[in-house]
Amino acid sequence: MSHMEDAKHRKARRQRRSVTDEFKAATVELVVSSGMTPGQIARELDLTETAVRSWVKQARVDGGKGPVGALTKAEKEELARLRKENREIKMDREILRRTAFFAKDQS
C-alpha cells in the first residue's frame, strides 16, 4: 500500500468545534439522567467521547463531588487570569529594571 493510500485509510481528524456552556450542561445532564454512557451520548450527538467525559468530570468537580484538590471552572478561570496578570507584572518590572539601568549608565 502506498503512502497516499495509507493516508486515505486513516481516520480523518475531526474539526474542532466550539460549543456553548449551555450545550455542555445539557449534554452532561443527558449523561446523568439517561443512564447512557458518555460514549453512547457522544455518538448520538456526533461529539468525541473524550470531550463528553471531560464535561461530565468538570461538572462533578463544579458540583463539589470531584477529587480532592480539583479546581472548579471558576477557580481555573481565576488561576488563568492571575497567571496572565503575573506575566504582565514581571514584564513591567523587567522594563523598569532596564530603564533604571540605562538611566544610571547615562549619568
N, C-alpha and C. Protein backbone atom coordinates (compact mmCIF):
# COMPACT_ATOMS: atom_id res chain seq x y z
N MET A 1 0.85 -1.18 0.00
CA MET A 1 0.00 0.00 0.00
C MET A 1 0.90 1.23 0.00
N SER A 2 0.65 2.15 -0.88
CA SER A 2 1.46 3.36 -0.95
C SER A 2 1.14 4.30 0.21
N HIS A 3 2.01 5.27 0.38
CA HIS A 3 1.82 6.25 1.46
C HIS A 3 0.50 7.00 1.29
N MET A 4 0.16 7.34 0.07
CA MET A 4 -1.08 8.08 -0.21
C MET A 4 -2.31 7.25 0.13
N GLU A 5 -2.28 5.97 -0.25
CA GLU A 5 -3.41 5.10 0.06
C GLU A 5 -3.54 4.90 1.56
N ASP A 6 -2.40 4.76 2.23
CA ASP A 6 -2.41 4.59 3.68
C ASP A 6 -3.04 5.81 4.35
N ALA A 7 -2.71 6.99 3.88
CA ALA A 7 -3.25 8.23 4.45
C ALA A 7 -4.76 8.30 4.27
N LYS A 8 -5.25 7.79 3.15
CA LYS A 8 -6.70 7.82 2.89
C LYS A 8 -7.45 6.89 3.84
N HIS A 9 -6.78 5.80 4.24
CA HIS A 9 -7.45 4.83 5.11
C HIS A 9 -7.45 5.25 6.57
N ARG A 10 -6.57 6.15 6.93
CA ARG A 10 -6.56 6.62 8.31
C ARG A 10 -7.81 7.45 8.58
N LYS A 11 -8.22 7.42 9.83
CA LYS A 11 -9.41 8.18 10.23
C LYS A 11 -9.11 9.68 10.09
N ALA A 12 -10.00 10.38 9.44
CA ALA A 12 -9.83 11.83 9.25
C ALA A 12 -9.91 12.53 10.60
N ARG A 13 -9.06 13.52 10.76
CA ARG A 13 -9.05 14.28 12.01
C ARG A 13 -10.31 15.13 12.09
N ARG A 14 -10.96 15.08 13.24
CA ARG A 14 -12.21 15.80 13.46
C ARG A 14 -11.94 17.30 13.62
N GLN A 15 -12.72 18.10 12.94
CA GLN A 15 -12.61 19.56 13.04
C GLN A 15 -13.05 19.99 14.43
N ARG A 16 -12.27 20.86 15.06
CA ARG A 16 -12.62 21.35 16.39
C ARG A 16 -13.80 22.30 16.28
N ARG A 17 -14.79 22.05 17.12
CA ARG A 17 -15.98 22.90 17.15
C ARG A 17 -16.05 23.58 18.51
N SER A 18 -16.64 24.74 18.54
CA SER A 18 -16.86 25.37 19.85
C SER A 18 -18.34 25.20 20.19
N VAL A 19 -18.58 24.89 21.44
CA VAL A 19 -19.96 24.71 21.90
C VAL A 19 -20.18 25.61 23.12
N THR A 20 -21.41 25.95 23.34
CA THR A 20 -21.75 26.83 24.45
C THR A 20 -21.74 26.07 25.77
N ASP A 21 -21.63 26.83 26.85
CA ASP A 21 -21.71 26.22 28.18
C ASP A 21 -23.07 25.56 28.39
N GLU A 22 -24.11 26.14 27.80
CA GLU A 22 -25.45 25.57 27.93
C GLU A 22 -25.53 24.21 27.25
N PHE A 23 -24.89 24.08 26.08
CA PHE A 23 -24.88 22.80 25.38
C PHE A 23 -24.13 21.75 26.19
N LYS A 24 -22.99 22.16 26.76
CA LYS A 24 -22.22 21.24 27.59
C LYS A 24 -23.05 20.78 28.79
N ALA A 25 -23.72 21.73 29.44
CA ALA A 25 -24.54 21.39 30.62
C ALA A 25 -25.67 20.44 30.23
N ALA A 26 -26.30 20.68 29.09
CA ALA A 26 -27.39 19.82 28.64
C ALA A 26 -26.87 18.42 28.31
N THR A 27 -25.68 18.35 27.74
CA THR A 27 -25.08 17.05 27.42
C THR A 27 -24.76 16.28 28.69
N VAL A 28 -24.20 16.98 29.67
CA VAL A 28 -23.89 16.35 30.96
C VAL A 28 -25.17 15.85 31.61
N GLU A 29 -26.20 16.66 31.59
CA GLU A 29 -27.49 16.27 32.18
C GLU A 29 -28.04 15.03 31.48
N LEU A 30 -27.86 14.96 30.18
CA LEU A 30 -28.31 13.80 29.42
C LEU A 30 -27.55 12.54 29.86
N VAL A 31 -26.26 12.67 30.07
CA VAL A 31 -25.46 11.52 30.54
C VAL A 31 -25.95 11.08 31.91
N VAL A 32 -26.15 12.03 32.81
CA VAL A 32 -26.54 11.73 34.18
C VAL A 32 -27.95 11.15 34.25
N SER A 33 -28.88 11.72 33.51
CA SER A 33 -30.28 11.33 33.64
C SER A 33 -30.68 10.13 32.78
N SER A 34 -29.95 9.90 31.70
CA SER A 34 -30.39 8.85 30.76
C SER A 34 -29.90 7.46 31.11
N GLY A 35 -28.83 7.39 31.89
CA GLY A 35 -28.24 6.09 32.19
C GLY A 35 -27.35 5.59 31.06
N MET A 36 -27.22 6.39 30.00
CA MET A 36 -26.34 6.03 28.89
C MET A 36 -24.91 6.43 29.25
N THR A 37 -23.96 5.79 28.63
CA THR A 37 -22.56 6.11 28.88
C THR A 37 -22.18 7.38 28.12
N PRO A 38 -21.10 8.05 28.55
CA PRO A 38 -20.62 9.21 27.79
C PRO A 38 -20.32 8.85 26.33
N GLY A 39 -19.81 7.65 26.10
CA GLY A 39 -19.53 7.22 24.73
C GLY A 39 -20.79 7.12 23.88
N GLN A 40 -21.85 6.58 24.47
CA GLN A 40 -23.11 6.46 23.73
C GLN A 40 -23.68 7.85 23.41
N ILE A 41 -23.65 8.73 24.39
CA ILE A 41 -24.14 10.10 24.18
C ILE A 41 -23.30 10.79 23.12
N ALA A 42 -21.98 10.62 23.20
CA ALA A 42 -21.08 11.25 22.23
C ALA A 42 -21.43 10.80 20.81
N ARG A 43 -21.66 9.52 20.62
CA ARG A 43 -22.01 9.01 19.28
C ARG A 43 -23.36 9.59 18.82
N GLU A 44 -24.32 9.67 19.73
CA GLU A 44 -25.64 10.21 19.38
C GLU A 44 -25.56 11.67 18.94
N LEU A 45 -24.67 12.43 19.60
CA LEU A 45 -24.58 13.87 19.33
C LEU A 45 -23.42 14.23 18.41
N ASP A 46 -22.74 13.23 17.86
CA ASP A 46 -21.59 13.43 16.99
C ASP A 46 -20.51 14.28 17.67
N LEU A 47 -20.16 13.86 18.88
CA LEU A 47 -19.10 14.51 19.66
C LEU A 47 -18.01 13.48 19.92
N THR A 48 -16.88 13.94 20.43
CA THR A 48 -15.86 12.98 20.83
C THR A 48 -16.17 12.51 22.25
N GLU A 49 -15.90 11.25 22.50
CA GLU A 49 -16.14 10.69 23.83
C GLU A 49 -15.28 11.40 24.86
N THR A 50 -14.06 11.75 24.47
CA THR A 50 -13.16 12.45 25.38
C THR A 50 -13.75 13.77 25.86
N ALA A 51 -14.36 14.50 24.95
CA ALA A 51 -14.96 15.80 25.31
C ALA A 51 -16.11 15.59 26.29
N VAL A 52 -16.98 14.65 26.00
CA VAL A 52 -18.13 14.41 26.87
C VAL A 52 -17.67 13.97 28.26
N ARG A 53 -16.72 13.06 28.31
CA ARG A 53 -16.19 12.62 29.61
C ARG A 53 -15.58 13.79 30.38
N SER A 54 -14.88 14.66 29.68
CA SER A 54 -14.28 15.83 30.32
C SER A 54 -15.35 16.75 30.89
N TRP A 55 -16.42 16.97 30.14
CA TRP A 55 -17.51 17.83 30.62
C TRP A 55 -18.17 17.23 31.85
N VAL A 56 -18.39 15.92 31.85
CA VAL A 56 -19.01 15.25 32.99
C VAL A 56 -18.11 15.37 34.22
N LYS A 57 -16.82 15.14 34.02
CA LYS A 57 -15.86 15.23 35.13
C LYS A 57 -15.83 16.65 35.71
N GLN A 58 -15.80 17.67 34.83
CA GLN A 58 -15.77 19.05 35.30
C GLN A 58 -17.06 19.41 36.03
N ALA A 59 -18.19 18.91 35.55
CA ALA A 59 -19.47 19.18 36.21
C ALA A 59 -19.48 18.60 37.62
N ARG A 60 -18.89 17.42 37.78
CA ARG A 60 -18.81 16.82 39.11
C ARG A 60 -17.94 17.68 40.03
N VAL A 61 -16.81 18.14 39.52
CA VAL A 61 -15.93 19.00 40.32
C VAL A 61 -16.66 20.29 40.70
N ASP A 62 -17.32 20.91 39.73
CA ASP A 62 -18.05 22.16 39.99
C ASP A 62 -19.18 21.94 40.99
N GLY A 63 -19.72 20.74 41.03
CA GLY A 63 -20.79 20.40 41.97
C GLY A 63 -20.29 19.95 43.33
N GLY A 64 -18.96 20.01 43.53
CA GLY A 64 -18.39 19.63 44.83
C GLY A 64 -18.20 18.13 45.00
N LYS A 65 -18.27 17.39 43.92
CA LYS A 65 -18.16 15.93 44.02
C LYS A 65 -16.90 15.40 43.33
N GLY A 66 -15.94 16.27 43.09
CA GLY A 66 -14.72 15.86 42.42
C GLY A 66 -13.66 15.41 43.40
N PRO A 67 -12.51 14.98 42.88
CA PRO A 67 -11.43 14.56 43.75
C PRO A 67 -10.85 15.75 44.54
N VAL A 68 -10.21 15.45 45.65
CA VAL A 68 -9.61 16.49 46.48
C VAL A 68 -8.58 17.25 45.65
N GLY A 69 -8.64 18.57 45.72
CA GLY A 69 -7.67 19.40 45.01
C GLY A 69 -8.06 19.77 43.59
N ALA A 70 -9.13 19.18 43.07
CA ALA A 70 -9.57 19.50 41.71
C ALA A 70 -10.14 20.92 41.70
N LEU A 71 -9.82 21.66 40.64
CA LEU A 71 -10.26 23.05 40.54
C LEU A 71 -11.60 23.15 39.83
N THR A 72 -12.47 24.00 40.37
CA THR A 72 -13.74 24.27 39.69
C THR A 72 -13.45 25.15 38.48
N LYS A 73 -14.45 25.29 37.62
CA LYS A 73 -14.29 26.12 36.43
C LYS A 73 -13.95 27.55 36.83
N ALA A 74 -14.61 28.07 37.85
CA ALA A 74 -14.35 29.44 38.31
C ALA A 74 -12.92 29.58 38.82
N GLU A 75 -12.45 28.56 39.53
CA GLU A 75 -11.07 28.60 40.05
C GLU A 75 -10.06 28.52 38.91
N LYS A 76 -10.35 27.72 37.89
CA LYS A 76 -9.46 27.63 36.73
C LYS A 76 -9.39 28.98 36.00
N GLU A 77 -10.54 29.63 35.86
CA GLU A 77 -10.58 30.93 35.20
C GLU A 77 -9.79 31.97 36.00
N GLU A 78 -9.96 31.95 37.33
CA GLU A 78 -9.22 32.89 38.18
C GLU A 78 -7.72 32.61 38.11
N LEU A 79 -7.33 31.36 38.12
CA LEU A 79 -5.92 31.00 38.02
C LEU A 79 -5.33 31.49 36.70
N ALA A 80 -6.04 31.31 35.61
CA ALA A 80 -5.57 31.78 34.30
C ALA A 80 -5.42 33.30 34.31
N ARG A 81 -6.39 34.00 34.90
CA ARG A 81 -6.34 35.46 34.97
C ARG A 81 -5.15 35.91 35.81
N LEU A 82 -4.93 35.26 36.94
CA LEU A 82 -3.82 35.63 37.82
C LEU A 82 -2.47 35.33 37.17
N ARG A 83 -2.36 34.23 36.45
CA ARG A 83 -1.11 33.92 35.76
C ARG A 83 -0.80 34.95 34.69
N LYS A 84 -1.84 35.38 33.96
CA LYS A 84 -1.65 36.42 32.94
C LYS A 84 -1.21 37.72 33.59
N GLU A 85 -1.88 38.09 34.67
CA GLU A 85 -1.53 39.31 35.40
C GLU A 85 -0.09 39.23 35.92
N ASN A 86 0.31 38.08 36.42
CA ASN A 86 1.66 37.89 36.93
C ASN A 86 2.69 38.06 35.80
N ARG A 87 2.42 37.49 34.62
CA ARG A 87 3.32 37.66 33.47
C ARG A 87 3.47 39.13 33.12
N GLU A 88 2.35 39.86 33.11
CA GLU A 88 2.39 41.28 32.77
C GLU A 88 3.18 42.07 33.80
N ILE A 89 3.01 41.75 35.07
CA ILE A 89 3.75 42.44 36.13
C ILE A 89 5.25 42.17 35.99
N LYS A 90 5.61 40.93 35.70
CA LYS A 90 7.02 40.59 35.52
C LYS A 90 7.62 41.35 34.33
N MET A 91 6.84 41.46 33.24
CA MET A 91 7.32 42.22 32.08
C MET A 91 7.50 43.69 32.44
N ASP A 92 6.53 44.27 33.16
CA ASP A 92 6.63 45.67 33.57
C ASP A 92 7.85 45.88 34.46
N ARG A 93 8.07 44.96 35.39
CA ARG A 93 9.21 45.06 36.30
C ARG A 93 10.52 45.00 35.52
N GLU A 94 10.60 44.11 34.53
CA GLU A 94 11.82 43.99 33.72
C GLU A 94 12.07 45.26 32.92
N ILE A 95 11.01 45.85 32.38
CA ILE A 95 11.14 47.11 31.64
C ILE A 95 11.66 48.20 32.56
N LEU A 96 11.11 48.29 33.77
CA LEU A 96 11.56 49.30 34.73
C LEU A 96 13.01 49.07 35.14
N ARG A 97 13.39 47.81 35.33
CA ARG A 97 14.76 47.48 35.71
C ARG A 97 15.73 47.91 34.61
N ARG A 98 15.38 47.63 33.37
CA ARG A 98 16.26 48.00 32.24
C ARG A 98 16.31 49.52 32.08
N THR A 99 15.17 50.17 32.27
CA THR A 99 15.14 51.63 32.16
C THR A 99 16.02 52.25 33.23
N ALA A 100 15.95 51.74 34.45
CA ALA A 100 16.77 52.26 35.55
C ALA A 100 18.24 52.01 35.27
N PHE A 101 18.58 50.86 34.71
CA PHE A 101 19.97 50.54 34.39
C PHE A 101 20.52 51.52 33.37
N PHE A 102 19.77 51.79 32.31
CA PHE A 102 20.23 52.71 31.27
C PHE A 102 20.27 54.15 31.78
N ALA A 103 19.32 54.51 32.63
CA ALA A 103 19.31 55.86 33.18
C ALA A 103 20.54 56.07 34.06
N LYS A 104 20.91 55.06 34.86
CA LYS A 104 22.07 55.15 35.72
C LYS A 104 23.35 55.21 34.87
N ASP A 105 23.38 54.47 33.78
CA ASP A 105 24.53 54.41 32.90
C ASP A 105 24.73 55.74 32.18
N GLN A 106 23.67 56.51 31.95
CA GLN A 106 23.75 57.78 31.24
C GLN A 106 24.27 58.90 32.11
N SER A 107 24.18 58.76 33.44
CA SER A 107 24.61 59.86 34.30
C SER A 107 26.07 59.84 34.61
